[in-house]
Each structure stands twice: as C-alpha cells, then as structure tokens.
N, C-alpha and C. Protein backbone atom coordinates (compact mmCIF):
# COMPACT_ATOMS: atom_id res chain seq x y z
N MET A 1 -2.14 -29.78 1.07
CA MET A 1 -1.47 -30.54 2.10
C MET A 1 -0.32 -29.71 2.65
N MET A 2 -0.16 -29.70 3.97
CA MET A 2 0.87 -28.91 4.63
C MET A 2 2.10 -29.78 4.86
N SER A 3 3.26 -29.25 4.55
CA SER A 3 4.50 -30.00 4.74
C SER A 3 4.88 -30.01 6.22
N ASN A 4 5.76 -30.93 6.57
CA ASN A 4 6.22 -31.00 7.96
C ASN A 4 6.93 -29.72 8.38
N SER A 5 7.72 -29.12 7.48
CA SER A 5 8.42 -27.88 7.85
C SER A 5 7.44 -26.74 8.08
N ALA A 6 6.35 -26.69 7.31
CA ALA A 6 5.34 -25.65 7.54
C ALA A 6 4.67 -25.84 8.89
N THR A 7 4.43 -27.09 9.26
CA THR A 7 3.82 -27.38 10.56
C THR A 7 4.78 -26.96 11.68
N LEU A 8 6.06 -27.31 11.53
CA LEU A 8 7.04 -26.93 12.55
C LEU A 8 7.16 -25.43 12.66
N ASN A 9 7.17 -24.72 11.52
CA ASN A 9 7.25 -23.27 11.55
C ASN A 9 6.05 -22.69 12.27
N SER A 10 4.88 -23.25 12.01
CA SER A 10 3.67 -22.78 12.66
C SER A 10 3.77 -22.99 14.17
N GLU A 11 4.25 -24.15 14.60
CA GLU A 11 4.43 -24.42 16.02
C GLU A 11 5.47 -23.49 16.63
N ALA A 12 6.57 -23.26 15.91
CA ALA A 12 7.64 -22.40 16.42
C ALA A 12 7.19 -20.95 16.54
N ASP A 13 6.25 -20.53 15.73
CA ASP A 13 5.77 -19.15 15.75
C ASP A 13 4.52 -18.95 16.60
N ARG A 14 4.05 -20.01 17.21
CA ARG A 14 2.83 -19.91 18.03
C ARG A 14 2.96 -18.84 19.11
N TRP A 15 4.15 -18.65 19.66
CA TRP A 15 4.36 -17.66 20.72
C TRP A 15 4.04 -16.26 20.23
N ARG A 16 4.27 -15.98 18.95
CA ARG A 16 3.97 -14.65 18.39
C ARG A 16 2.47 -14.37 18.48
N TYR A 17 1.68 -15.35 18.12
CA TYR A 17 0.23 -15.19 18.18
C TYR A 17 -0.24 -15.08 19.62
N GLN A 18 0.41 -15.80 20.51
CA GLN A 18 0.05 -15.75 21.93
C GLN A 18 0.27 -14.34 22.48
N ILE A 19 1.40 -13.73 22.14
CA ILE A 19 1.67 -12.36 22.61
C ILE A 19 0.68 -11.38 21.98
N ASP A 20 0.44 -11.51 20.68
CA ASP A 20 -0.51 -10.62 20.01
C ASP A 20 -1.88 -10.69 20.67
N ARG A 21 -2.36 -11.90 20.93
CA ARG A 21 -3.68 -12.09 21.54
C ARG A 21 -3.70 -11.51 22.95
N PHE A 22 -2.62 -11.76 23.72
CA PHE A 22 -2.53 -11.23 25.07
C PHE A 22 -2.63 -9.70 25.06
N VAL A 23 -1.86 -9.05 24.20
CA VAL A 23 -1.88 -7.58 24.13
C VAL A 23 -3.26 -7.10 23.71
N ARG A 24 -3.83 -7.70 22.68
CA ARG A 24 -5.15 -7.29 22.20
C ARG A 24 -6.21 -7.41 23.30
N ASP A 25 -6.13 -8.47 24.10
CA ASP A 25 -7.13 -8.70 25.14
C ASP A 25 -6.90 -7.86 26.39
N ASN A 26 -5.74 -7.22 26.51
CA ASN A 26 -5.39 -6.49 27.73
C ASN A 26 -4.80 -5.11 27.42
N LEU A 27 -5.29 -4.47 26.38
CA LEU A 27 -4.69 -3.21 25.91
C LEU A 27 -4.52 -2.16 27.01
N GLN A 28 -5.58 -1.88 27.75
CA GLN A 28 -5.49 -0.80 28.73
C GLN A 28 -4.60 -1.15 29.91
N ASP A 29 -4.65 -2.40 30.38
CA ASP A 29 -3.76 -2.79 31.48
C ASP A 29 -2.31 -2.81 31.03
N VAL A 30 -2.06 -3.25 29.80
CA VAL A 30 -0.69 -3.25 29.28
C VAL A 30 -0.19 -1.81 29.14
N ALA A 31 -1.03 -0.92 28.65
CA ALA A 31 -0.65 0.49 28.53
C ALA A 31 -0.38 1.08 29.92
N ALA A 32 -1.21 0.73 30.89
CA ALA A 32 -1.02 1.21 32.26
C ALA A 32 0.31 0.70 32.82
N LEU A 33 0.60 -0.57 32.62
CA LEU A 33 1.86 -1.14 33.10
C LEU A 33 3.05 -0.47 32.43
N SER A 34 2.95 -0.29 31.14
CA SER A 34 4.03 0.34 30.40
C SER A 34 4.33 1.74 30.94
N TRP A 35 3.29 2.51 31.18
CA TRP A 35 3.48 3.86 31.70
C TRP A 35 4.00 3.84 33.13
N GLY A 36 3.44 2.98 33.96
CA GLY A 36 3.90 2.88 35.34
C GLY A 36 5.36 2.52 35.43
N LEU A 37 5.80 1.56 34.61
CA LEU A 37 7.21 1.19 34.60
C LEU A 37 8.08 2.33 34.07
N HIS A 38 7.59 3.01 33.05
CA HIS A 38 8.34 4.17 32.53
C HIS A 38 8.56 5.21 33.63
N LEU A 39 7.51 5.50 34.40
CA LEU A 39 7.65 6.46 35.51
C LEU A 39 8.68 5.98 36.53
N GLN A 40 8.60 4.70 36.86
CA GLN A 40 9.52 4.11 37.83
C GLN A 40 10.96 4.21 37.33
N TRP A 41 11.19 3.81 36.09
CA TRP A 41 12.54 3.83 35.54
C TRP A 41 13.08 5.25 35.43
N THR A 42 12.24 6.19 35.02
CA THR A 42 12.66 7.59 34.90
C THR A 42 13.02 8.15 36.28
N GLU A 43 12.19 7.83 37.26
CA GLU A 43 12.44 8.30 38.63
C GLU A 43 13.76 7.75 39.16
N ASP A 44 14.09 6.52 38.77
CA ASP A 44 15.33 5.88 39.21
C ASP A 44 16.52 6.26 38.33
N GLY A 45 16.29 7.15 37.34
CA GLY A 45 17.36 7.57 36.44
C GLY A 45 17.77 6.50 35.45
N GLU A 46 16.86 5.59 35.15
CA GLU A 46 17.15 4.46 34.27
C GLU A 46 16.41 4.61 32.95
N GLU A 47 16.81 5.58 32.17
CA GLU A 47 16.20 5.80 30.86
C GLU A 47 16.58 4.66 29.91
N GLY A 48 15.83 4.51 28.83
CA GLY A 48 16.18 3.53 27.82
C GLY A 48 15.81 2.11 28.18
N LYS A 49 14.77 1.94 28.98
CA LYS A 49 14.29 0.61 29.32
C LYS A 49 12.91 0.42 28.70
N PHE A 50 12.64 -0.83 28.33
CA PHE A 50 11.38 -1.15 27.66
C PHE A 50 10.79 -2.41 28.28
N LEU A 51 9.47 -2.49 28.21
CA LEU A 51 8.76 -3.66 28.69
C LEU A 51 9.01 -4.81 27.72
N GLY A 52 9.29 -5.97 28.26
CA GLY A 52 9.50 -7.15 27.43
C GLY A 52 8.71 -8.33 27.95
N ILE A 53 8.53 -9.30 27.09
CA ILE A 53 7.91 -10.57 27.46
C ILE A 53 8.83 -11.68 26.97
N ASP A 54 9.27 -12.50 27.90
CA ASP A 54 10.08 -13.67 27.56
C ASP A 54 9.17 -14.89 27.67
N MET A 55 9.13 -15.68 26.62
CA MET A 55 8.21 -16.81 26.57
C MET A 55 8.80 -18.09 27.19
N GLN A 56 10.08 -18.06 27.56
CA GLN A 56 10.71 -19.26 28.10
C GLN A 56 11.17 -19.04 29.54
N PRO A 57 11.10 -19.97 30.42
CA PRO A 57 10.50 -21.28 30.23
C PRO A 57 8.98 -21.23 30.22
N GLN A 58 8.43 -20.20 30.88
CA GLN A 58 7.00 -19.91 30.76
C GLN A 58 6.88 -18.40 30.62
N PRO A 59 5.82 -17.91 29.99
CA PRO A 59 5.71 -16.47 29.71
C PRO A 59 5.80 -15.62 30.99
N HIS A 60 6.66 -14.60 30.93
CA HIS A 60 6.81 -13.68 32.05
C HIS A 60 7.36 -12.35 31.51
N PHE A 61 7.11 -11.29 32.29
CA PHE A 61 7.58 -9.96 31.92
C PHE A 61 9.06 -9.82 32.27
N ILE A 62 9.76 -9.06 31.42
CA ILE A 62 11.16 -8.75 31.66
C ILE A 62 11.40 -7.28 31.34
N VAL A 63 12.57 -6.80 31.68
CA VAL A 63 13.01 -5.46 31.32
C VAL A 63 14.03 -5.60 30.20
N CYS A 64 13.80 -4.89 29.12
CA CYS A 64 14.77 -4.84 28.02
C CYS A 64 15.39 -3.46 28.04
N ASP A 65 16.70 -3.41 28.24
CA ASP A 65 17.34 -2.09 28.25
C ASP A 65 18.09 -1.85 26.94
N ARG A 66 18.39 -0.61 26.70
CA ARG A 66 19.03 -0.19 25.46
C ARG A 66 20.36 -0.93 25.20
N PRO A 67 21.26 -1.04 26.20
CA PRO A 67 22.50 -1.76 25.93
C PRO A 67 22.28 -3.22 25.52
N ALA A 68 21.31 -3.89 26.12
CA ALA A 68 21.03 -5.28 25.74
C ALA A 68 20.51 -5.36 24.31
N LEU A 69 19.65 -4.40 23.93
CA LEU A 69 19.15 -4.37 22.55
C LEU A 69 20.29 -4.11 21.56
N GLU A 70 21.21 -3.22 21.93
CA GLU A 70 22.35 -2.93 21.05
C GLU A 70 23.23 -4.16 20.88
N THR A 71 23.47 -4.89 21.95
CA THR A 71 24.26 -6.12 21.88
C THR A 71 23.55 -7.16 21.02
N LEU A 72 22.27 -7.31 21.23
CA LEU A 72 21.50 -8.26 20.43
C LEU A 72 21.54 -7.89 18.96
N ASN A 73 21.42 -6.62 18.65
CA ASN A 73 21.48 -6.16 17.27
C ASN A 73 22.86 -6.45 16.65
N ARG A 74 23.91 -6.17 17.41
CA ARG A 74 25.26 -6.46 16.92
C ARG A 74 25.45 -7.96 16.66
N ASN A 75 24.98 -8.78 17.60
CA ASN A 75 25.11 -10.23 17.46
C ASN A 75 24.28 -10.78 16.31
N ALA A 76 23.26 -10.04 15.91
CA ALA A 76 22.39 -10.46 14.80
C ALA A 76 22.79 -9.75 13.50
N ASP A 77 24.05 -9.34 13.41
CA ASP A 77 24.57 -8.69 12.20
C ASP A 77 23.74 -7.48 11.77
N ASN A 78 23.29 -6.71 12.76
CA ASN A 78 22.55 -5.47 12.52
C ASN A 78 21.18 -5.71 11.87
N LEU A 79 20.64 -6.92 12.01
CA LEU A 79 19.33 -7.22 11.42
C LEU A 79 18.17 -6.65 12.23
N LEU A 80 18.46 -6.15 13.42
CA LEU A 80 17.41 -5.59 14.26
C LEU A 80 17.41 -4.07 14.23
N ARG A 81 17.98 -3.49 13.18
CA ARG A 81 18.08 -2.03 13.11
C ARG A 81 16.70 -1.36 13.09
N GLU A 82 15.69 -2.03 12.52
CA GLU A 82 14.34 -1.44 12.56
C GLU A 82 13.83 -1.37 13.99
N LEU A 83 14.07 -2.43 14.76
CA LEU A 83 13.68 -2.44 16.16
C LEU A 83 14.41 -1.32 16.91
N MET A 84 15.67 -1.12 16.59
CA MET A 84 16.43 -0.06 17.24
C MET A 84 15.82 1.31 16.91
N GLY A 85 15.40 1.49 15.67
CA GLY A 85 14.76 2.74 15.27
C GLY A 85 13.44 2.96 16.00
N VAL A 86 12.67 1.89 16.13
CA VAL A 86 11.40 1.98 16.87
C VAL A 86 11.69 2.38 18.32
N ALA A 87 12.68 1.74 18.92
CA ALA A 87 13.04 2.05 20.31
C ALA A 87 13.52 3.49 20.45
N ASP A 88 14.31 3.95 19.48
CA ASP A 88 14.84 5.32 19.52
C ASP A 88 13.73 6.38 19.48
N HIS A 89 12.67 6.09 18.75
CA HIS A 89 11.61 7.09 18.55
C HIS A 89 10.35 6.80 19.35
N HIS A 90 10.44 5.89 20.28
CA HIS A 90 9.29 5.52 21.10
C HIS A 90 8.89 6.67 22.02
N ASP A 91 7.60 6.99 22.02
CA ASP A 91 7.05 8.04 22.89
C ASP A 91 6.13 7.38 23.91
N PRO A 92 6.63 7.11 25.12
CA PRO A 92 5.84 6.37 26.11
C PRO A 92 4.57 7.07 26.57
N GLN A 93 4.46 8.38 26.34
CA GLN A 93 3.23 9.08 26.72
C GLN A 93 2.09 8.79 25.76
N LYS A 94 2.41 8.34 24.54
CA LYS A 94 1.38 8.13 23.53
C LYS A 94 1.25 6.69 23.08
N GLU A 95 2.33 5.91 23.23
CA GLU A 95 2.32 4.56 22.67
C GLU A 95 2.97 3.57 23.61
N VAL A 96 2.74 2.31 23.30
CA VAL A 96 3.29 1.21 24.08
C VAL A 96 4.24 0.43 23.18
N LEU A 97 5.38 0.07 23.73
CA LEU A 97 6.33 -0.78 23.02
C LEU A 97 6.63 -1.98 23.90
N ILE A 98 6.42 -3.16 23.34
CA ILE A 98 6.73 -4.40 24.03
C ILE A 98 7.67 -5.20 23.14
N ILE A 99 8.70 -5.74 23.73
CA ILE A 99 9.64 -6.56 22.99
C ILE A 99 9.44 -8.00 23.45
N GLY A 100 8.98 -8.83 22.52
CA GLY A 100 8.73 -10.23 22.81
C GLY A 100 9.92 -11.08 22.39
N ILE A 101 10.24 -12.07 23.21
CA ILE A 101 11.35 -12.96 22.92
C ILE A 101 10.86 -14.39 23.08
N GLY A 102 11.08 -15.18 22.03
CA GLY A 102 10.70 -16.59 22.08
C GLY A 102 11.30 -17.38 20.95
N ASN A 103 11.66 -18.60 21.21
CA ASN A 103 12.21 -19.50 20.20
C ASN A 103 13.37 -18.89 19.43
N GLY A 104 14.24 -18.15 20.12
CA GLY A 104 15.39 -17.55 19.47
C GLY A 104 15.03 -16.42 18.52
N GLN A 105 13.84 -15.87 18.67
CA GLN A 105 13.36 -14.79 17.81
C GLN A 105 12.93 -13.60 18.66
N VAL A 106 12.84 -12.44 18.00
CA VAL A 106 12.42 -11.21 18.67
C VAL A 106 11.24 -10.64 17.89
N LYS A 107 10.26 -10.13 18.62
CA LYS A 107 9.08 -9.52 18.02
C LYS A 107 8.82 -8.21 18.74
N ALA A 108 8.62 -7.14 17.99
CA ALA A 108 8.25 -5.85 18.59
C ALA A 108 6.77 -5.63 18.39
N ILE A 109 6.11 -5.23 19.44
CA ILE A 109 4.71 -4.85 19.38
C ILE A 109 4.64 -3.40 19.81
N GLN A 110 4.12 -2.56 18.93
CA GLN A 110 3.98 -1.15 19.24
C GLN A 110 2.58 -0.72 18.85
N PHE A 111 1.93 0.00 19.75
CA PHE A 111 0.60 0.50 19.41
C PHE A 111 0.36 1.84 20.10
N ALA A 112 -0.45 2.65 19.44
CA ALA A 112 -0.89 3.92 20.03
C ALA A 112 -2.04 3.58 20.97
N ALA A 113 -1.88 3.94 22.21
CA ALA A 113 -2.88 3.61 23.22
C ALA A 113 -4.00 4.66 23.22
N ASP A 114 -5.21 4.16 23.34
CA ASP A 114 -6.39 5.04 23.44
C ASP A 114 -7.32 4.45 24.49
N PRO A 115 -7.39 5.05 25.65
CA PRO A 115 -6.79 6.32 26.07
C PRO A 115 -5.26 6.20 26.19
N LEU A 116 -4.63 7.35 26.37
CA LEU A 116 -3.18 7.41 26.47
C LEU A 116 -2.67 6.63 27.69
N PRO A 117 -1.43 6.13 27.63
CA PRO A 117 -0.89 5.36 28.75
C PRO A 117 -1.00 6.03 30.12
N PRO A 118 -0.72 7.36 30.26
CA PRO A 118 -0.89 7.96 31.59
C PRO A 118 -2.33 7.85 32.10
N GLU A 119 -3.30 8.01 31.20
CA GLU A 119 -4.70 7.88 31.59
C GLU A 119 -5.04 6.45 31.97
N CYS A 120 -4.49 5.49 31.23
CA CYS A 120 -4.72 4.08 31.55
C CYS A 120 -4.17 3.76 32.94
N PHE A 121 -2.98 4.28 33.24
CA PHE A 121 -2.36 4.03 34.53
C PHE A 121 -3.20 4.63 35.65
N GLU A 122 -3.67 5.85 35.43
CA GLU A 122 -4.49 6.51 36.44
C GLU A 122 -5.80 5.75 36.69
N SER A 123 -6.43 5.30 35.62
CA SER A 123 -7.72 4.62 35.77
C SER A 123 -7.56 3.17 36.23
N ALA A 124 -6.35 2.60 36.13
CA ALA A 124 -6.15 1.21 36.55
C ALA A 124 -6.28 1.06 38.06
N GLY A 125 -5.99 2.13 38.78
CA GLY A 125 -6.12 2.09 40.23
C GLY A 125 -5.18 1.09 40.88
N ALA A 126 -4.01 0.87 40.28
CA ALA A 126 -3.06 -0.10 40.80
C ALA A 126 -1.64 0.38 40.51
N ASP A 127 -0.71 -0.07 41.34
CA ASP A 127 0.69 0.25 41.06
C ASP A 127 1.26 -0.81 40.12
N THR A 128 2.52 -0.66 39.77
CA THR A 128 3.11 -1.58 38.79
C THR A 128 3.16 -3.01 39.31
N ASN A 129 3.42 -3.20 40.60
CA ASN A 129 3.45 -4.55 41.14
C ASN A 129 2.09 -5.22 41.03
N ALA A 130 1.05 -4.49 41.34
CA ALA A 130 -0.31 -5.05 41.24
C ALA A 130 -0.66 -5.34 39.78
N LEU A 131 -0.25 -4.46 38.87
CA LEU A 131 -0.50 -4.70 37.45
C LEU A 131 0.26 -5.92 36.96
N LEU A 132 1.50 -6.07 37.39
CA LEU A 132 2.26 -7.26 37.02
C LEU A 132 1.58 -8.52 37.55
N ASP A 133 1.13 -8.47 38.81
CA ASP A 133 0.43 -9.62 39.40
C ASP A 133 -0.87 -9.93 38.66
N ARG A 134 -1.52 -8.90 38.17
CA ARG A 134 -2.78 -9.06 37.44
C ARG A 134 -2.54 -9.64 36.04
N LEU A 135 -1.50 -9.14 35.38
CA LEU A 135 -1.28 -9.49 33.96
C LEU A 135 -0.47 -10.76 33.74
N GLU A 136 0.51 -11.02 34.56
CA GLU A 136 1.40 -12.15 34.28
C GLU A 136 0.67 -13.49 34.18
N PRO A 137 -0.30 -13.79 35.03
CA PRO A 137 -1.02 -15.06 34.86
C PRO A 137 -1.79 -15.13 33.52
N ARG A 138 -2.18 -13.99 33.00
CA ARG A 138 -2.91 -13.96 31.71
C ARG A 138 -2.00 -14.28 30.53
N LEU A 139 -0.69 -14.14 30.71
CA LEU A 139 0.25 -14.46 29.63
C LEU A 139 0.18 -15.94 29.25
N ALA A 140 -0.01 -16.77 30.27
CA ALA A 140 -0.04 -18.22 30.02
C ALA A 140 -1.33 -18.58 29.31
C-alpha cells in the first residue's frame, strides 16, 4: 500500500519524467537546438548560457546563464555544486546539457549526442526559431 506522502512525491516529481521522456523522444532535435543556441550565444559574445526547460506555468524553453546558476547554488547552500561542475565542463560540440526547473527543484540532463550536435543542427534544416517552434509544443 502506498502512503499519501509517497503519492504526493510521485505527483510532485512527475515533471522530471516528462522532461526525460521529451528528451528521449526528441534527441536529435534537442541536440540541434542546443548547438544552434550555442552558436547564437557565442556569436553574440554571451558565453556561459545553457538551454533550460521551465515547467511552470506550462512547459517552455528558457535560457539559464552562469550568473543565475551561481546565485541559485548560493541560495541552495551550495547543494548544486555538482550541477556547477557539469556546467563548467560541458562541451557543446559533443554533448547536450539541459537544466530543468519544476516544483522548486532543479534537474540536469546531460547526454552525449550521436550524431554530434553540429551534425544534428546541420541535418535539422532549420534555424533555432524553427526548432523552438517545432519542439515547444512537444513539451506539453
């Protein structure tokens, strides 16, 4: 028999599974978007930005920048130091990093893309705006 608190925890964590399923079902488009945004940010001189997904009020993509992650880590008594390490060593040419936010929690999703993100972006045949338009409805 499942307790009420276990049921509530399961409901509160449902967003984690939703993000995992979304990424799994859209690996190449997510890798393409990640690379396209990286190119855009680098071109604009905005290093240290990462793709994010905010689940509230409805799932949508966001930009997570390094200063915001540092503030969040400080406010969480340095409990996000592993996430900071992942962000510090992230190689956008080989892997994808997504920072999910939901129910007052943070989840990092990192995977090695195959094919590599630049190849995914090239084969997607779309710019970042078109990829966002394609992917955002799938988040829901």
